[in-house]
């Protein structure tokens, strides 16, 4: 199941009911930059102070008097969302004759039709296919501190396990997830540690007259699935990439329709995340075609980081002290194979998808951005990624929607470990740790990041070697040889791509170790070697 939203059937152009109103100024605002506590949390203010990020007029909320004057023009008009950074008000206005009156207001610059919602109609949903439950592995990992279960391969690929072992699991970091519905978060057993520990920071819904964020049903689980790859913390079954972080869930996407107005919801959601003081946001959403309002469809020429309100706000968010992770998109094997937006934004991490064997996913959208910037920025596992469906169902799913949270969680852990760096500095450090940084391409971008290497190289761990043991042959058919000249390897453990321990053996003190793999099925494997100083080294091979 490809978790990329926007699968609604194409329809002919519709009469608009939703409009984005661009305002000319913030004059006579009741808000001021001298009193930021009226619109920013203390956490957000503290972060601005810490990184010397000024609070400017851009941060002032939309003038409430302007908003009220617009809504007063028609009794049927409803406020959908706002953007203080873009100084816009987006309204539901079913009577198109009111639009000239809005345009005539002295503080209005322009009005743009962005959708054709009918707010008195509930969406018609189709249930996704039921995922196939997985057989859970109960054997321990090489270290007895954390048994990642089915999540082992996806975190090992980006070398996040050593960072966790250093004690950086996201504690004290706030991750905001912008997505569709989050049904089941509070009742699913995999999230009980998050809820009971008080790290469930809040949930917000920007969906007017639609289903509530946490009470929506099977079609509103995209956010739940995405969040699980970061937040799950069930030892032996699934441990996410930031299991000790705090989370805010922001519902910006209605899966029953695909219209440009959802970019307005995204922009508003980004500003909510900023006002809460979020450190990292994950957005497994993207926009390119709008089959329910096709007059707003965009082309590759629009993927330049400046043509979309969502992309502009993503850029601003990344510059205001937030690591922004956005899915590249799942169009890689389509006629249109480029990234969507806001993945085209500046100062963010656009995330592509690969399999656990590092091979790029065919569906992963390609870069560059239209103006020639490297996209995606990084790549992580988005093929058969372990995740959670309600109710308490552990399964696999595919998509850049899953690759993005895997990376986002590790971004939070790395920033926890290196709090002295700004968000833009952190994103560059992550790019530089990636395996193709010196030779990026249009599929991987800068490549698969090595999070522990990023940490070690910036905190003075001079003897860190970005892994690896020397092994041969690779691929292997019967005997895997591991070079051990120092005689310091004590045990070797081998895991399949699902994270199941399939082989574990003590080894003799020998310069060349022979590990029999004849009985293993063909496929991709991750190995860990425990050294006599209690450190671990990892390797990968194909059988």
Protein backbone atom coordinates (compact mmCIF):
# COMPACT_ATOMS: atom_id res chain seq x y z
CA UNK A 1 0.00 0.00 0.00
CA UNK A 2 1.60 3.23 -1.11
CA UNK A 3 0.93 5.84 1.56
CA UNK A 4 0.83 8.87 -0.67
CA UNK A 5 -2.36 10.90 -0.50
CA UNK A 6 -4.15 12.32 -3.50
CA UNK A 7 -5.79 9.32 -5.14
CA UNK A 8 -9.18 10.90 -5.72
CA UNK A 9 -10.61 10.37 -9.22
CA UNK A 10 -10.25 13.24 -11.68
CA UNK A 11 -13.33 15.34 -12.28
CA UNK A 12 -14.08 18.35 -14.43
CA UNK A 13 -13.36 21.84 -13.16
CA UNK A 14 -15.69 22.89 -10.37
CA UNK A 15 -17.15 26.17 -9.26
CA UNK A 16 -15.07 27.51 -6.38
CA UNK A 17 -16.35 27.83 -2.83
CA UNK A 18 -13.01 28.43 -1.07
CA UNK A 19 -10.86 31.51 -1.48
CA UNK A 20 -7.45 32.64 -0.26
CA UNK A 21 -7.50 36.34 0.56
CA UNK A 22 -4.14 38.14 0.49
CA UNK A 23 -4.04 41.08 2.90
CA UNK A 24 -1.97 44.20 2.31
CA UNK A 25 -0.67 44.87 5.82
CA UNK A 26 -0.89 44.25 9.55
CA UNK A 27 -1.61 47.85 10.48
CA UNK A 28 -3.31 48.64 13.78
CA UNK A 29 -2.78 45.10 14.98
CA UNK A 30 -3.53 44.38 18.66
CA UNK A 31 -0.39 42.22 18.65
CA UNK A 32 3.17 43.45 18.95
CA UNK A 33 6.66 42.02 18.69
CA UNK A 34 7.27 43.26 22.25
CA UNK A 35 4.68 40.83 23.64
CA UNK A 36 5.30 37.54 21.82
CA UNK A 37 3.68 35.47 24.57
CA UNK A 38 0.31 36.46 23.07
CA UNK A 39 0.98 34.27 20.02
CA UNK A 40 4.04 32.10 20.78
CA UNK A 41 4.48 29.54 23.53
CA UNK A 42 7.25 30.04 26.05
CA UNK A 43 9.02 27.08 24.51
CA UNK A 44 8.97 28.82 21.12
CA UNK A 45 10.17 32.11 22.61
CA UNK A 46 13.00 30.37 24.45
CA UNK A 47 14.15 28.72 21.24
CA UNK A 48 14.11 32.03 19.36
CA UNK A 49 16.24 33.51 22.14
CA UNK A 50 18.61 30.55 22.20
CA UNK A 51 19.35 30.76 18.48
CA UNK A 52 19.08 34.56 18.20
CA UNK A 53 16.13 34.31 15.81
CA UNK A 54 14.36 37.69 15.86
CA UNK A 55 10.62 38.00 16.33
CA UNK A 56 9.39 40.28 13.56
CA UNK A 57 6.17 41.61 12.08
CA UNK A 58 6.06 38.41 10.03
CA UNK A 59 5.28 36.54 13.27
CA UNK A 60 2.34 38.76 14.20
CA UNK A 61 -1.03 37.04 13.71
CA UNK A 62 -3.36 38.22 10.95
CA UNK A 63 -5.18 41.35 12.06
CA UNK A 64 -8.40 40.03 13.68
CA UNK A 65 -10.30 43.16 12.61
CA UNK A 66 -9.54 42.45 8.96
CA UNK A 67 -10.67 38.87 9.41
CA UNK A 68 -13.92 39.94 11.05
CA UNK A 69 -14.70 42.48 8.34
CA UNK A 70 -14.29 39.81 5.66
CA UNK A 71 -16.52 37.31 7.44
CA UNK A 72 -19.15 39.99 8.08
CA UNK A 73 -19.83 40.31 4.35
CA UNK A 74 -21.92 37.14 4.18
CA UNK A 75 -23.64 35.00 6.80
CA UNK A 76 -22.68 31.77 5.03
CA UNK A 77 -18.99 32.60 4.96
CA UNK A 78 -16.75 30.57 7.28
CA UNK A 79 -13.13 30.91 8.24
CA UNK A 80 -11.08 27.91 7.10
CA UNK A 81 -7.55 28.87 8.10
CA UNK A 82 -5.05 31.70 8.23
CA UNK A 83 -1.36 32.25 7.56
CA UNK A 84 0.38 34.96 9.52
CA UNK A 85 3.60 34.49 7.56
CA UNK A 86 1.82 34.92 4.21
CA UNK A 87 -0.74 37.35 5.71
CA UNK A 88 -3.67 35.45 4.24
CA UNK A 89 -7.17 34.49 5.30
CA UNK A 90 -8.75 31.47 3.64
CA UNK A 91 -12.53 31.37 3.71
CA UNK A 92 -15.44 29.19 2.66
CA UNK A 93 -17.69 31.40 0.56
CA UNK A 94 -20.33 29.49 -1.43
CA UNK A 95 -21.80 32.69 -2.91
CA UNK A 96 -19.37 33.85 -5.59
CA UNK A 97 -21.09 37.24 -5.84
CA UNK A 98 -19.50 38.12 -2.49
CA UNK A 99 -15.99 37.84 -3.91
CA UNK A 100 -15.98 41.32 -5.55
CA UNK A 101 -16.98 42.75 -2.17
CA UNK A 102 -13.98 41.08 -0.57
CA UNK A 103 -11.70 42.41 -3.30
CA UNK A 104 -13.06 45.92 -2.72
CA UNK A 105 -12.00 46.04 0.92
CA UNK A 106 -9.15 48.56 1.34
CA UNK A 107 -6.82 46.11 3.12
CA UNK A 108 -7.21 43.31 0.52
CA UNK A 109 -4.55 42.87 -2.14
CA UNK A 110 -6.07 39.96 -4.07
CA UNK A 111 -8.34 36.93 -3.89
CA UNK A 112 -7.52 33.48 -5.27
CA UNK A 113 -9.94 30.57 -5.68
CA UNK A 114 -8.44 27.47 -4.05
CA UNK A 115 -11.19 24.86 -3.75
CA UNK A 116 -14.80 23.79 -3.98
CA UNK A 117 -15.58 22.21 -0.61
CA UNK A 118 -19.20 21.70 0.39
CA UNK A 119 -18.99 21.89 4.13
CA UNK A 120 -22.46 20.50 4.76
CA UNK A 121 -21.49 17.21 3.12
CA UNK A 122 -19.42 14.59 4.88
CA UNK A 123 -16.74 12.86 2.80
CA UNK A 124 -17.36 9.40 1.41
CA UNK A 125 -14.51 7.11 2.38
CA UNK A 126 -13.28 3.77 1.14
CA UNK A 127 -11.52 1.49 3.58
CA UNK A 128 -7.93 0.60 2.71
CA UNK A 129 -7.00 -3.01 2.23
CA UNK A 130 -6.47 -4.77 5.53
CA UNK A 131 -2.74 -5.15 6.19
CA UNK A 132 -1.33 -8.60 6.79
CA UNK A 133 -0.23 -9.09 10.41
CA UNK A 134 3.43 -9.95 10.87
CA UNK A 135 5.01 -12.66 12.98
CA UNK A 136 6.85 -10.83 15.74
CA UNK A 137 10.42 -11.66 16.66
CA UNK A 138 11.03 -11.98 20.39
CA UNK A 139 14.79 -12.58 20.28
CA UNK A 140 17.02 -9.83 21.61
CA UNK A 141 19.28 -7.65 19.52
CA UNK A 142 23.03 -7.91 19.96
CA UNK A 143 22.81 -5.36 22.79
CA UNK A 144 20.32 -6.07 25.52
CA UNK A 145 19.26 -2.42 25.98
CA UNK A 146 16.72 -2.23 23.15
CA UNK A 147 15.08 -4.91 21.06
CA UNK A 148 13.93 -2.98 18.00
CA UNK A 149 11.86 -5.88 16.72
CA UNK A 150 10.61 -5.16 13.21
CA UNK A 151 12.15 -1.68 13.29
CA UNK A 152 15.75 -2.87 13.36
CA UNK A 153 16.53 -2.70 9.63
CA UNK A 154 15.11 0.79 9.07
CA UNK A 155 17.08 2.37 11.92
CA UNK A 156 20.24 0.36 11.21
CA UNK A 157 20.25 1.58 7.60
CA UNK A 158 20.78 5.18 8.75
CA UNK A 159 23.07 4.06 11.62
CA UNK A 160 20.81 5.30 14.37
CA UNK A 161 21.26 2.47 16.89
CA UNK A 162 24.62 3.72 18.25
CA UNK A 163 23.08 7.16 18.75
CA UNK A 164 20.31 5.58 20.84
CA UNK A 165 22.92 3.62 22.77
CA UNK A 166 24.62 6.92 23.63
CA UNK A 167 21.34 7.88 25.32
CA UNK A 168 19.85 10.08 22.59
CA UNK A 169 16.32 8.79 21.92
CA UNK A 170 14.54 12.12 21.48
CA UNK A 171 13.94 13.00 25.12
CA UNK A 172 13.00 16.65 25.51
CA UNK A 173 12.47 17.13 21.77
CA UNK A 174 9.06 18.07 20.35
CA UNK A 175 8.09 16.54 17.00
CA UNK A 176 5.04 17.89 15.20
CA UNK A 177 3.38 15.59 12.66
CA UNK A 178 1.36 17.28 9.89
CA UNK A 179 -0.83 14.66 8.28
CA UNK A 180 -4.26 13.16 7.75
CA UNK A 181 -6.20 11.57 10.59
CA UNK A 182 -4.65 10.10 13.72
CA UNK A 183 -7.35 7.58 14.55
CA UNK A 184 -6.37 5.13 17.28
CA UNK A 185 -3.42 7.04 18.76
CA UNK A 186 -4.87 7.21 22.26
CA UNK A 187 -6.19 3.64 22.35
CA UNK A 188 -3.51 1.65 20.49
CA UNK A 189 -1.23 -0.23 22.88
CA UNK A 190 1.85 0.78 20.90
CA UNK A 191 1.25 4.41 21.90
CA UNK A 192 0.45 3.89 25.56
CA UNK A 193 3.95 4.80 26.67
CA UNK A 194 3.63 8.09 24.77
CA UNK A 195 0.20 8.92 26.22
CA UNK A 196 0.82 7.77 29.80
CA UNK A 197 4.17 9.54 30.11
CA UNK A 198 2.67 12.93 29.32
CA UNK A 199 4.63 13.29 26.09
CA UNK A 200 1.45 13.56 24.01
CA UNK A 201 1.75 17.32 23.59
CA UNK A 202 -1.61 17.91 21.96
CA UNK A 203 -3.69 17.35 18.87
CA UNK A 204 -5.09 19.98 16.54
CA UNK A 205 -7.47 19.75 13.63
CA UNK A 206 -7.83 22.30 10.85
CA UNK A 207 -10.63 20.36 9.17
CA UNK A 208 -13.87 22.40 9.35
CA UNK A 209 -17.11 20.48 9.83
CA UNK A 210 -15.31 17.23 9.10
CA UNK A 211 -14.34 14.34 11.31
CA UNK A 212 -12.31 15.04 14.43
CA UNK A 213 -8.56 14.36 14.42
CA UNK A 214 -8.77 11.26 16.62
CA UNK A 215 -12.25 9.99 15.81
CA UNK A 216 -12.36 9.36 12.13
CA UNK A 217 -12.25 5.68 11.15
CA UNK A 218 -10.15 3.46 8.96
CA UNK A 219 -9.64 5.95 6.15
CA UNK A 220 -8.23 8.49 8.57
CA UNK A 221 -5.24 6.48 9.76
CA UNK A 222 -2.47 7.84 7.56
CA UNK A 223 -1.19 10.03 10.39
CA UNK A 224 -1.35 7.11 12.81
CA UNK A 225 0.71 4.91 10.50
CA UNK A 226 3.26 7.63 9.84
CA UNK A 227 3.66 8.55 13.52
CA UNK A 228 4.29 4.93 14.48
CA UNK A 229 7.59 4.81 12.58
CA UNK A 230 8.87 7.56 14.90
CA UNK A 231 7.04 7.16 18.19
CA UNK A 232 6.42 3.43 18.73
CA UNK A 233 8.19 2.04 21.78
CA UNK A 234 7.26 -1.60 22.28
CA UNK A 235 10.38 -3.61 22.97
CA UNK A 236 10.66 -6.74 20.85
CA UNK A 237 7.97 -5.61 18.39
CA UNK A 238 8.57 -2.08 17.11
CA UNK A 239 10.72 0.73 18.45
CA UNK A 240 10.65 3.93 16.42
CA UNK A 241 13.49 6.30 15.67
CA UNK A 242 12.57 8.79 18.43
CA UNK A 243 10.74 6.72 21.04
CA UNK A 244 11.28 9.18 23.92
CA UNK A 245 10.32 12.40 22.12
CA UNK A 246 7.15 14.42 22.69
CA UNK A 247 4.57 14.73 19.92
CA UNK A 248 2.02 17.22 18.63
CA UNK A 249 -0.38 15.92 15.98
CA UNK A 250 -1.77 18.44 13.49
CA UNK A 251 -4.52 17.34 11.11
CA UNK A 252 -4.07 19.33 7.89
CA UNK A 253 -5.26 16.84 5.28
CA UNK A 254 -8.74 15.65 4.26
CA UNK A 255 -8.30 12.35 2.48
CA UNK A 256 -11.72 12.59 0.84
CA UNK A 257 -10.64 15.29 -1.60
CA UNK A 258 -7.57 16.83 -3.20
CA UNK A 259 -7.72 20.59 -3.67
CA UNK A 260 -5.29 23.48 -3.51
CA UNK A 261 -6.84 24.69 -0.25
CA UNK A 262 -5.02 21.84 1.50
CA UNK A 263 -1.80 23.79 0.98
CA UNK A 264 -3.43 26.57 3.03
CA UNK A 265 -4.17 24.06 5.81
CA UNK A 266 -0.56 22.87 5.60
CA UNK A 267 0.76 26.42 5.94
CA UNK A 268 -1.46 27.05 8.96
CA UNK A 269 -0.31 23.74 10.47
CA UNK A 270 3.33 24.71 10.02
CA UNK A 271 2.69 27.94 11.90
CA UNK A 272 0.98 26.03 14.73
CA UNK A 273 4.05 23.80 14.98
CA UNK A 274 6.26 26.88 15.17
CA UNK A 275 4.10 28.54 17.81
CA UNK A 276 4.27 25.39 19.97
CA UNK A 277 8.05 25.43 19.79
CA UNK A 278 8.40 22.23 17.76
CA UNK A 279 11.96 21.11 17.07
CA UNK A 280 11.19 18.80 14.14
CA UNK A 281 8.18 18.44 11.87
CA UNK A 282 7.30 15.45 9.78
CA UNK A 283 5.08 15.97 6.77
CA UNK A 284 4.29 12.87 4.74
CA UNK A 285 2.10 14.92 2.43
CA UNK A 286 2.64 16.43 -0.98
CA UNK A 287 0.76 18.40 -3.59
CA UNK A 288 0.89 18.45 -7.37
CA UNK A 289 -2.44 17.57 -8.95
CA UNK A 290 -5.85 18.55 -7.64
CA UNK A 291 -8.40 16.32 -9.37
CA UNK A 292 -11.27 17.81 -7.37
CA UNK A 293 -10.26 21.33 -8.41
CA UNK A 294 -8.17 20.78 -11.54
CA UNK A 295 -7.92 24.45 -12.47
CA UNK A 296 -5.21 24.64 -9.79
CA UNK A 297 -3.06 21.77 -11.14
CA UNK A 298 0.62 22.63 -11.27
CA UNK A 299 3.53 21.46 -13.42
CA UNK A 300 7.21 20.77 -12.84
CA UNK A 301 7.95 24.41 -13.60
CA UNK A 302 6.10 25.28 -10.37
CA UNK A 303 8.42 23.11 -8.22
CA UNK A 304 10.85 25.92 -7.48
CA UNK A 305 10.20 26.49 -3.79
CA UNK A 306 8.41 29.82 -4.26
CA UNK A 307 5.20 29.09 -6.18
CA UNK A 308 3.37 27.37 -3.33
CA UNK A 309 2.11 28.82 -0.06
CA UNK A 310 3.05 25.54 1.60
CA UNK A 311 6.58 25.63 0.18
CA UNK A 312 7.08 29.23 1.24
CA UNK A 313 5.94 28.43 4.77
CA UNK A 314 8.12 25.31 4.88
CA UNK A 315 11.13 27.47 4.02
CA UNK A 316 10.24 30.01 6.71
CA UNK A 317 9.73 27.22 9.25
CA UNK A 318 13.17 25.80 8.51
CA UNK A 319 14.68 29.25 9.06
CA UNK A 320 12.86 29.80 12.36
CA UNK A 321 14.54 26.96 14.21
CA UNK A 322 12.72 23.83 13.03
CA UNK A 323 14.11 20.81 11.17
CA UNK A 324 11.52 20.27 8.45
CA UNK A 325 11.23 16.76 6.93
CA UNK A 326 8.94 16.44 3.89
CA UNK A 327 8.20 13.38 1.75
CA UNK A 328 9.54 13.60 -1.80
CA UNK A 329 6.48 11.89 -3.31
CA UNK A 330 5.66 8.57 -4.95
CA UNK A 331 5.71 9.51 -8.64
CA UNK A 332 9.09 8.02 -9.50
CA UNK A 333 7.72 5.42 -11.92
CA UNK A 334 5.02 7.66 -13.40
CA UNK A 335 5.10 9.88 -16.48
CA UNK A 336 5.51 12.77 -14.07
CA UNK A 337 8.39 11.54 -11.90
CA UNK A 338 9.45 14.69 -10.10
CA UNK A 339 9.03 15.75 -6.48
CA UNK A 340 5.89 17.49 -5.28
CA UNK A 341 5.57 20.45 -2.99
CA UNK A 342 6.39 21.53 -0.29
CA UNK A 343 9.29 19.09 -0.87
CA UNK A 344 10.71 21.75 -3.22
CA UNK A 345 11.19 24.26 -0.38
CA UNK A 346 14.50 25.77 0.66
CA UNK A 347 16.15 24.94 4.02
CA UNK A 348 14.29 21.69 4.55
CA UNK A 349 15.02 17.97 4.19
CA UNK A 350 13.14 16.41 1.29
CA UNK A 351 13.20 12.64 1.90
CA UNK A 352 13.26 9.93 -0.76
CA UNK A 353 12.67 6.21 -0.23
CA UNK A 354 14.85 3.13 -0.60
CA UNK A 355 14.65 -0.49 0.52
CA UNK A 356 16.56 -1.95 3.47
CA UNK A 357 19.27 -3.08 1.03
CA UNK A 358 19.84 0.59 0.07
CA UNK A 359 18.34 0.16 -3.41
CA UNK A 360 16.23 3.16 -4.40
CA UNK A 361 12.48 2.56 -4.52
CA UNK A 362 11.05 2.75 -8.03
CA UNK A 363 8.19 4.90 -6.79
CA UNK A 364 10.40 7.47 -5.04
CA UNK A 365 10.06 10.84 -6.80
CA UNK A 366 13.11 12.33 -8.46
CA UNK A 367 14.78 15.69 -8.21
CA UNK A 368 16.10 18.18 -8.79
CA UNK A 369 13.82 21.10 -8.00
CA UNK A 370 12.93 23.04 -11.12
CA UNK A 371 15.52 25.69 -10.26
CA UNK A 372 18.24 23.01 -10.08
CA UNK A 373 18.70 22.38 -6.34
CA UNK A 374 19.54 18.86 -5.17
CA UNK A 375 16.37 16.97 -4.30
CA UNK A 376 15.71 14.79 -2.48
CA UNK A 377 18.07 15.94 0.26
CA UNK A 378 18.34 12.51 1.90
CA UNK A 379 16.96 8.99 1.53
CA UNK A 380 15.82 6.42 4.09
CA UNK A 381 13.86 3.18 4.18
CA UNK A 382 10.41 3.47 2.64
CA UNK A 383 10.01 -0.06 1.28
CA UNK A 384 8.44 -2.61 3.64
CA UNK A 385 8.86 -0.17 6.50
CA UNK A 386 7.55 -1.49 9.81
CA UNK A 387 4.61 0.54 11.13
CA UNK A 388 1.36 0.27 13.05
CA UNK A 389 -2.23 0.20 11.84
CA UNK A 390 -5.16 0.46 14.20
CA UNK A 391 -6.06 -1.64 15.97
CA UNK A 392 -2.71 -2.79 17.39
CA UNK A 393 -1.74 -4.26 14.03
CA UNK A 394 1.95 -4.31 13.21
CA UNK A 395 2.60 -4.43 9.48
CA UNK A 396 4.74 -3.27 6.55
CA UNK A 397 3.97 -0.32 4.28
CA UNK A 398 5.64 1.40 1.33
CA UNK A 399 6.07 5.04 0.40
CA UNK A 400 8.12 8.13 0.97
CA UNK A 401 5.43 8.72 3.60
CA UNK A 402 7.23 6.08 5.69
CA UNK A 403 10.78 7.00 4.74
CA UNK A 404 10.24 10.53 6.03
CA UNK A 405 9.29 9.76 9.66
CA UNK A 406 12.11 7.22 9.94
CA UNK A 407 14.52 10.05 9.12
CA UNK A 408 12.65 12.72 11.09
CA UNK A 409 12.92 10.78 14.34
CA UNK A 410 16.66 10.43 13.99
CA UNK A 411 16.93 14.16 13.23
CA UNK A 412 15.38 14.81 16.64
CA UNK A 413 17.80 12.43 18.36
CA UNK A 414 20.82 13.99 16.66
CA UNK A 415 19.71 17.51 17.58
CA UNK A 416 19.18 16.35 21.16
CA UNK A 417 22.80 15.21 21.12
CA UNK A 418 24.08 18.44 19.51
CA UNK A 419 21.85 21.25 20.84
CA UNK A 420 24.39 23.98 20.10
CA UNK A 421 23.64 23.92 16.37
CA UNK A 422 20.81 25.75 14.60
CA UNK A 423 18.17 23.91 12.59
CA UNK A 424 19.73 24.91 9.27
CA UNK A 425 23.17 23.83 10.51
CA UNK A 426 21.76 20.51 11.66
CA UNK A 427 20.14 19.85 8.31
CA UNK A 428 23.44 20.55 6.56
CA UNK A 429 25.32 18.24 8.94
CA UNK A 430 22.82 15.49 8.09
CA UNK A 431 23.28 16.07 4.36
CA UNK A 432 27.05 15.95 4.74
CA UNK A 433 26.85 12.59 6.54
CA UNK A 434 25.04 11.01 3.58
CA UNK A 435 26.81 8.51 1.37
CA UNK A 436 26.56 10.49 -1.89
CA UNK A 437 27.25 13.93 -0.47
CA UNK A 438 30.17 14.57 -2.81
CA UNK A 439 28.35 13.17 -5.83
CA UNK A 440 24.58 13.63 -5.41
CA UNK A 441 22.10 12.38 -7.98
CA UNK A 442 18.43 12.88 -8.83
CA UNK A 443 17.19 9.71 -7.07
CA UNK A 444 19.03 9.54 -3.74
CA UNK A 445 19.93 13.22 -3.59
CA UNK A 446 22.82 13.42 -1.14
CA UNK A 447 22.07 9.84 -0.19
CA UNK A 448 21.46 7.76 2.92
CA UNK A 449 22.55 9.63 6.06
CA UNK A 450 24.78 8.14 8.72
CA UNK A 451 23.45 9.67 11.91
CA UNK A 452 26.04 8.30 14.28
CA UNK A 453 28.82 9.43 11.99
CA UNK A 454 27.25 12.90 11.97
CA UNK A 455 27.30 12.86 15.78
CA UNK A 456 30.78 11.41 16.20
CA UNK A 457 32.43 13.72 13.71
CA UNK A 458 31.08 16.82 15.48
CA UNK A 459 31.64 15.95 19.14
CA UNK A 460 35.29 14.93 18.95
CA UNK A 461 35.06 11.15 18.79
CA UNK A 462 38.22 11.02 16.72
CA UNK A 463 38.58 7.27 16.70
CA UNK A 464 35.13 6.67 15.26
CA UNK A 465 35.24 4.82 11.97
CA UNK A 466 31.98 5.04 10.03
CA UNK A 467 31.83 1.41 10.11
CA UNK A 468 32.50 -1.19 8.65
CA UNK A 469 33.96 -4.59 8.98
CA UNK A 470 35.61 -5.94 5.88
CA UNK A 471 33.66 -8.93 4.57
CA UNK A 472 33.84 -11.13 1.50
CA UNK A 473 32.44 -12.41 -0.76
CA UNK A 474 29.40 -10.20 -1.12
CA UNK A 475 27.00 -11.51 -2.40
CA UNK A 476 27.72 -14.80 -0.63
CA UNK A 477 26.43 -18.33 -1.20
CA UNK A 478 27.76 -20.46 1.68
CA UNK A 479 30.62 -19.01 3.79
CA UNK A 480 30.85 -15.36 4.77
CA UNK A 481 34.36 -14.25 5.71
CA UNK A 482 34.91 -11.41 8.18
CA UNK A 483 38.33 -9.85 8.47
CA UNK A 484 39.35 -9.75 12.16
CA UNK A 485 43.08 -8.87 12.30
CA UNK A 486 42.92 -7.54 15.86
CA UNK A 487 41.11 -10.62 17.11
CA UNK A 488 38.63 -8.43 18.95
CA UNK A 489 35.33 -9.84 17.65
CA UNK A 490 33.55 -11.99 20.24
CA UNK A 491 30.11 -12.70 18.78
CA UNK A 492 28.38 -12.20 15.44
CA UNK A 493 24.61 -11.75 15.03
CA UNK A 494 22.77 -11.70 11.71
CA UNK A 495 19.30 -10.22 11.13
CA UNK A 496 17.07 -10.44 8.09
CA UNK A 497 15.48 -7.38 6.46
CA UNK A 498 12.51 -7.65 8.84
CA UNK A 499 14.77 -7.32 11.85
CA UNK A 500 14.48 -10.97 12.93
CA UNK A 501 17.56 -12.57 14.46
CA UNK A 502 18.39 -15.52 12.20
CA UNK A 503 21.92 -16.41 13.25
CA UNK A 504 24.03 -15.78 16.35
CA UNK A 505 27.37 -17.37 17.11
CA UNK A 506 30.44 -17.00 19.29
CA UNK A 507 33.61 -16.83 17.22
CA UNK A 508 37.16 -18.06 17.74
CA UNK A 509 40.09 -15.67 18.05
CA UNK A 510 41.09 -15.75 14.43
CA UNK A 511 42.18 -13.13 11.86
CA UNK A 512 39.58 -14.40 9.38
CA UNK A 513 36.20 -15.53 10.66
CA UNK A 514 34.10 -17.96 8.65
CA UNK A 515 30.38 -17.61 9.21
CA UNK A 516 28.24 -20.34 7.58
CA UNK A 517 25.18 -18.90 5.83
CA UNK A 518 24.23 -21.88 3.66
CA UNK A 519 20.94 -22.39 5.49
CA UNK A 520 19.82 -18.77 5.21
CA UNK A 521 17.24 -17.93 2.52
CA UNK A 522 18.38 -15.67 -0.28
CA UNK A 523 18.00 -12.03 0.57
CA UNK A 524 19.47 -8.99 2.31
CA UNK A 525 20.97 -9.21 5.81
CA UNK A 526 22.38 -6.90 8.47
CA UNK A 527 25.09 -8.23 10.75
CA UNK A 528 26.43 -6.92 14.05
CA UNK A 529 29.72 -7.91 15.62
CA UNK A 530 30.25 -7.43 19.36
CA UNK A 531 33.83 -6.46 20.14
CA UNK A 532 35.75 -7.26 23.29
CA UNK A 533 35.46 -3.61 24.39
CA UNK A 534 31.65 -3.99 24.33
CA UNK A 535 31.30 -1.82 21.23
CA UNK A 536 29.51 -3.08 18.13
CA UNK A 537 30.25 -2.85 14.44
CA UNK A 538 27.79 -3.62 11.67
CA UNK A 539 27.93 -4.91 8.12
CA UNK A 540 25.50 -5.69 5.31
CA UNK A 541 25.50 -8.50 2.80
CA UNK A 542 23.39 -10.30 0.22
CA UNK A 543 22.89 -14.08 0.26
